[in-house]
C-alpha cells in the first residue's frame, strides 16, 4: 500500500526534492506539482492520526490529476474530495513533527553516540582526506588570479568523473572559460555535457518573471553533488544588496546559496575576492566580516605559492580560516597566528602541456606524510639561507657557514643540524685530527618544502595526477623530474 513516506520518496527520486516548510503548527513539505509542474505547489502535510493530506496549492489540479500523476492505486487512498487526497502515513512521522524551528530538538541519538561525526568527502587530498563537506556552505577567498576558480573546478571535475552532477552559477566569467578548464583537467566532452549545469545570470529571479521560473527549474531538475557560485561580490550587486551590511549578506545567503543547498543537497562553494592589503582585509573577503558567519562548512584562504599561468607549473595553498564541523582543521598543518589559519592542502597545477593540465591535491607542507602528524618546528628561513649558500659553496665548514649566513650563531648551528637530520645536507669529516666537518647539499631546501623525497619544484621525482590518461578511464600518473624555471 502506498504511504505518505513512499510518496515523498517518489517525489525525491524524480529529482524534485521536497522542501520542509510549515502548515500552521505542523512540519510539512512542498514540492513541484507532478500534475501541473508548478514549483513548490504540491502540499504534503502529515497529521497525528496516521493520515496525510496532499493537494496542489495552485487550485488548478483535481484529486484525479494528482492520483494519475503520482500513479497511486485506489487502495492507497483513505479519503478524497475534488482537490485533496488523504493517504496513510507512518505514525513515527508524527513523533518527529515539531511545531516550529523553536521547539526542542530530540538529542537522543547524539547522547547515545549514534550520530556519526561529519567528514569531508569532496576535493580529496592524496592522503584520502577531503576538503569539502557534503551539503554544506563553503567559501574560497583570495586575491585575483590566486587560483580560486581552479580549485572549485577541480572539485567539480572530481564529482563529475565519479558520475555525479555539478552546478556552476557564474557571475564573473563565461562558459568558454569554465568548460575549457574542465577539458584541460581531462573531463571528457560527454561527461561535461551530461553532468554539468552552467548558468550565467545577470538579473535577480523576481517572482512572476522568466528568471524566477528558470531558477525554480534549476533547483528541481536534478540533484547536485556540488554547486559553485563564482563571483559573490557581483552577485550581491545584482541582488541590490550591500556587501558591508550584515543583514544584506544574510539575506543573500538565504536567497541563493542556502536555497541551492536545501533544494538540491549540494555542497555549495562560494568564490569571493579579498583586498590586496593584508592589514585591510584581516581574515575576511571584501566588504564584510559577516560572510564567514553565514557558512556551515569551511572557509579557505587561497594563496598562490607559485604563479598559476598557462605553460607554467604552480602551487596553490589552501588555508583554513574557519571550519564549523572541525574535521578539516584536525587534519591540517601548523597554525599561523598572524591570521589564525592552518594550511589544509597544496594544490599543484602543471599546464606546461598545452592539451592537459596535470594536478594533485597534496597534504600540507608541515604534515608528516606517513603519520599525518604536524612535523616538529624547524627554523625554515635559516635552513633555506644555509641551503642556498651551500649550493654555491659546497664543502664549507660550520664556522664559515656561521660567518657568511645572516643569523645568530646558535640558530644557524641548530638549522644546520636539522638540514643534516632531514637529509638535505651531508656532513663529512675533513682529513686530519681535529679538522672538523664540511657540509654539502644533497638536495636543495626551500622554506615551503614538504620534506618529501618527491620534492615539488627543485629536484627529485613527483607523481602528478593525469586525468583520463592511458587507455582506461582510471586516473593515471606521470612521473616528472627536474627543476622549474
Foldseek 3Di string as FASTA:
>chain_A
DDALVNLQVVLVVQQFHWFWDDDQQWTWTFTQQLQPRDGRQWTWTDDLVQKIKIFGNVPPDFPVSNCVSSVPDPVQFPDGDGTMTMGGYDNVVVVQIGRDPPGDHDCVCVVVVNDDQWAADFCAAPLGGHAFTFLWEEEEEEAPQLCSVVSVLNRQLVQLLVPAAEEEEEADDDPCVSVVSSQQAPRDPVSCVVHYHYDHDQADLDPPDPSVVVVSCVLRNHAGAAYEYEDVVSVLVRVVFFLQDLVSLLVVCVRPVNSSSRRRRYRYYYYAYADPDCVVGQQHRPRYPNNVVNTQAWYWYKGWPAGDDALFKTKIWTKTQDGNSCNQVVLFEDADVRRRITTRWIKIWHNNPVRHIWIHTHGALQADSPPSDGHDDAPQVLLQQLLVVQVVVFFAALVVSCVPGDDHSVNNVRSVVVCVVLPQKDWDDDPDPPPHITIHGPWHGHSRFSSDQCTDAGFHKDWIWTQPPDDDRDIDTDIDGDHGD
